[in-house]
C-alpha atoms as a PDB file:
ATOM      1  CA  MET A   1       8.917   6.503  -0.879  1.00  0.00           C
ATOM      2  CA  PHE A   2       6.928   8.303   1.796  1.00  0.00           C
ATOM      3  CA  TYR A   3       3.369   9.456   1.254  1.00  0.00           C
ATOM      4  CA  ARG A   4       0.959  11.533   3.313  1.00  0.00           C
ATOM      5  CA  HIS A   5      -2.732  10.647   3.201  1.00  0.00           C
ATOM      6  CA  HIS A   6      -5.125  13.546   2.747  1.00  0.00           C
ATOM      7  CA  LYS A   7      -6.299  12.935   6.338  1.00  0.00           C
ATOM      8  CA  GLY A   8      -2.737  13.529   7.610  1.00  0.00           C
ATOM      9  CA  ASN A   9      -1.299  10.073   8.296  1.00  0.00           C
ATOM     10  CA  ASP A  10       2.131   9.151   6.914  1.00  0.00           C
ATOM     11  CA  TYR A  11       2.974   5.914   5.113  1.00  0.00           C
ATOM     12  CA  TYR A  12       5.926   4.236   3.436  1.00  0.00           C
ATOM     13  CA  VAL A  13       5.206   2.488   0.133  1.00  0.00           C
ATOM     14  CA  LEU A  14       6.965  -0.861  -0.287  1.00  0.00           C
ATOM     15  CA  GLY A  15       5.805  -1.585  -3.837  1.00  0.00           C
ATOM     16  CA  ILE A  16       3.131  -2.854  -6.179  1.00  0.00           C
ATOM     17  CA  THR A  17       1.945  -6.442  -5.862  1.00  0.00           C
ATOM     18  CA  LYS A  18       2.152  -9.061  -8.571  1.00  0.00           C
ATOM     19  CA  SER A  19      -0.834 -11.351  -9.084  1.00  0.00           C
ATOM     20  CA  GLY A  20      -0.473 -15.062  -8.508  1.00  0.00           C
ATOM     21  CA  VAL A  21       1.461 -17.080  -5.962  1.00  0.00           C
ATOM     22  CA  ASP A  22       3.897 -19.843  -6.873  1.00  0.00           C
ATOM     23  CA  THR A  23       3.301 -22.347  -4.068  1.00  0.00           C
ATOM     24  CA  ASN A  24       6.754 -23.848  -4.657  1.00  0.00           C
ATOM     25  CA  LYS A  25       8.390 -20.505  -3.832  1.00  0.00           C
ATOM     26  CA  ALA A  26       5.887 -19.138  -1.341  1.00  0.00           C
ATOM     27  CA  GLY A  27       7.473 -19.217   2.087  1.00  0.00           C
ATOM     28  CA  LYS A  28       7.918 -15.896   3.809  1.00  0.00           C
ATOM     29  CA  TYR A  29       4.889 -13.657   3.901  1.00  0.00           C
ATOM     30  CA  ILE A  30       3.462 -10.666   5.664  1.00  0.00           C
ATOM     31  CA  GLU A  31      -0.160 -10.008   6.507  1.00  0.00           C
ATOM     32  CA  ALA A  32      -1.716  -6.845   5.135  1.00  0.00           C
ATOM     33  CA  LYS A  33      -5.194  -5.422   5.455  1.00  0.00           C
ATOM     34  CA  HIS A  34      -7.060  -4.698   2.214  1.00  0.00           C
ATOM     35  CA  THR A  35      -8.491  -1.175   2.589  1.00  0.00           C
ATOM     36  CA  GLU A  36     -11.623  -1.866   0.564  1.00  0.00           C
ATOM     37  CA  THR A  37     -12.633  -5.339   1.749  1.00  0.00           C
ATOM     38  CA  GLY A  38     -11.157  -5.333   5.246  1.00  0.00           C
ATOM     39  CA  ALA A  39      -9.747  -8.787   4.503  1.00  0.00           C
ATOM     40  CA  THR A  40      -6.380  -9.855   5.860  1.00  0.00           C
ATOM     41  CA  VAL A  41      -4.259 -10.833   2.846  1.00  0.00           C
ATOM     42  CA  ASN A  42      -1.069 -12.903   2.849  1.00  0.00           C
ATOM     43  CA  VAL A  43       1.591 -11.147   0.773  1.00  0.00           C
ATOM     44  CA  PHE A  44       4.295 -13.623  -0.239  1.00  0.00           C
ATOM     45  CA  ILE A  45       7.812 -12.280  -0.760  1.00  0.00           C
ATOM     46  CA  TYR A  46      10.069 -13.993  -3.284  1.00  0.00           C
ATOM     47  CA  ASP A  47      12.050 -13.159  -6.415  1.00  0.00           C
ATOM     48  CA  GLY A  48      12.228  -9.570  -5.149  1.00  0.00           C
ATOM     49  CA  GLN A  49       8.473  -9.139  -5.531  1.00  0.00           C
ATOM     50  CA  PHE A  50       5.311  -8.982  -3.460  1.00  0.00           C
ATOM     51  CA  ASN A  51       2.902 -11.682  -4.626  1.00  0.00           C
ATOM     52  CA  VAL A  52      -0.819 -11.994  -3.833  1.00  0.00           C
ATOM     53  CA  GLN A  53      -3.834 -14.000  -4.939  1.00  0.00           C
ATOM     54  CA  TYR A  54      -5.507 -10.903  -6.427  1.00  0.00           C
ATOM     55  CA  GLU A  55      -5.648 -10.028 -10.117  1.00  0.00           C
ATOM     56  CA  GLU A  56      -5.716  -6.261  -9.564  1.00  0.00           C
ATOM     57  CA  LYS A  57      -2.540  -4.301  -8.878  1.00  0.00           C
ATOM     58  CA  LEU A  58      -2.355  -3.339  -5.226  1.00  0.00           C
ATOM     59  CA  VAL A  59      -0.073  -0.850  -3.506  1.00  0.00           C
ATOM     60  CA  LEU A  60       1.586  -2.353  -0.428  1.00  0.00           C
ATOM     61  CA  TYR A  61       2.413   0.195   2.251  1.00  0.00           C
ATOM     62  CA  ILE A  62       3.083   0.405   5.969  1.00  0.00           C
ATOM     63  CA  ASP A  63       1.906   2.948   8.537  1.00  0.00           C
ATOM     64  CA  THR A  64       3.873   4.432  11.420  1.00  0.00           C
ATOM     65  CA  GLN A  65       2.452   1.784  13.792  1.00  0.00           C
ATOM     66  CA  GLY A  66       3.793  -1.139  11.708  1.00  0.00           C
ATOM     67  CA  GLN A  67       0.455  -2.150  10.112  1.00  0.00           C
ATOM     68  CA  TYR A  68       0.708  -3.269   6.478  1.00  0.00           C
ATOM     69  CA  TRP A  69      -2.002  -2.146   4.029  1.00  0.00           C
ATOM     70  CA  LEU A  70      -3.082  -2.968   0.499  1.00  0.00           C
ATOM     71  CA  ARG A  71      -5.037  -0.523  -1.658  1.00  0.00           C
ATOM     72  CA  PRO A  72      -5.940  -0.766  -5.356  1.00  0.00           C
ATOM     73  CA  GLU A  73      -3.278   1.129  -7.345  1.00  0.00           C
ATOM     74  CA  GLU A  74      -5.788   3.334  -9.181  1.00  0.00           C
ATOM     75  CA  MET A  75      -7.376   4.340  -5.883  1.00  0.00           C
ATOM     76  CA  PHE A  76      -4.012   4.996  -4.198  1.00  0.00           C
ATOM     77  CA  LEU A  77      -2.912   7.263  -7.053  1.00  0.00           C
ATOM     78  CA  GLY A  78      -6.352   8.811  -7.479  1.00  0.00           C
ATOM     79  CA  ASP A  79      -8.315  11.585  -5.881  1.00  0.00           C
ATOM     80  CA  ALA A  80     -10.662  11.726  -2.905  1.00  0.00           C
ATOM     81  CA  LEU A  81     -13.624  14.039  -2.426  1.00  0.00           C
ATOM     82  CA  VAL A  82     -13.039  16.278   0.617  1.00  0.00           C
ATOM     83  CA  ASP A  83     -15.518  19.032   1.465  1.00  0.00           C
ATOM     84  CA  GLY A  84     -16.791  19.011  -2.113  1.00  0.00           C
ATOM     85  CA  LYS A  85     -13.312  19.309  -3.622  1.00  0.00           C
ATOM     86  CA  GLU A  86     -11.182  16.668  -5.320  1.00  0.00           C
ATOM     87  CA  VAL A  87      -7.770  16.288  -3.669  1.00  0.00           C
ATOM     88  CA  ARG A  88      -5.014  13.743  -4.149  1.00  0.00           C
ATOM     89  CA  ARG A  89      -5.608  10.820  -1.806  1.00  0.00           C
ATOM     90  CA  PHE A  90      -1.854  10.440  -1.176  1.00  0.00           C
ATOM     91  CA  LYS A  91       0.918  12.980  -1.784  1.00  0.00           C
ATOM     92  CA  PRO A  92       4.597  12.070  -1.796  1.00  0.00           C
ATOM     93  CA  PHE A  93       6.848  13.884   0.646  1.00  0.00           C
ATOM     94  CA  ASN A  94      10.459  13.853   1.767  1.00  0.00           C
ATOM     95  CA  PRO A  95      10.745  13.294   5.534  1.00  0.00           C
ATOM     96  CA  ARG A  96      14.211  14.918   5.586  1.00  0.00           C
ATOM     97  CA  THR A  97      12.656  18.259   4.738  1.00  0.00           C
ATOM     98  CA  MET A  98      10.600  17.996   7.923  1.00  0.00           C
ATOM     99  CA  ILE A  99      13.614  17.780  10.290  1.00  0.00           C
ATOM    100  CA  LYS A 100      14.461  21.113  11.855  1.00  0.00           C
END
């Protein structure tokens, strides 16, 4: 699903991470940047899931430049304070409605 950040950038959400990594299955991974810590996190892909060494649920998404990001789920779905008003941090949108 596509989302637009309140600052205007567009992203595609890949899914919610699962905590814990099974080292016997962990092979393929992608590197994503954690929005709050700035850390580069290995996201292991197996059993149709995104697995990380974090207990909290993280939203995995990609920007239009190909950079992967991780943000805490509550923060992703929550509000941001903009000019003294609370607005949704990310809003879903359909890119097909934007084609003219």
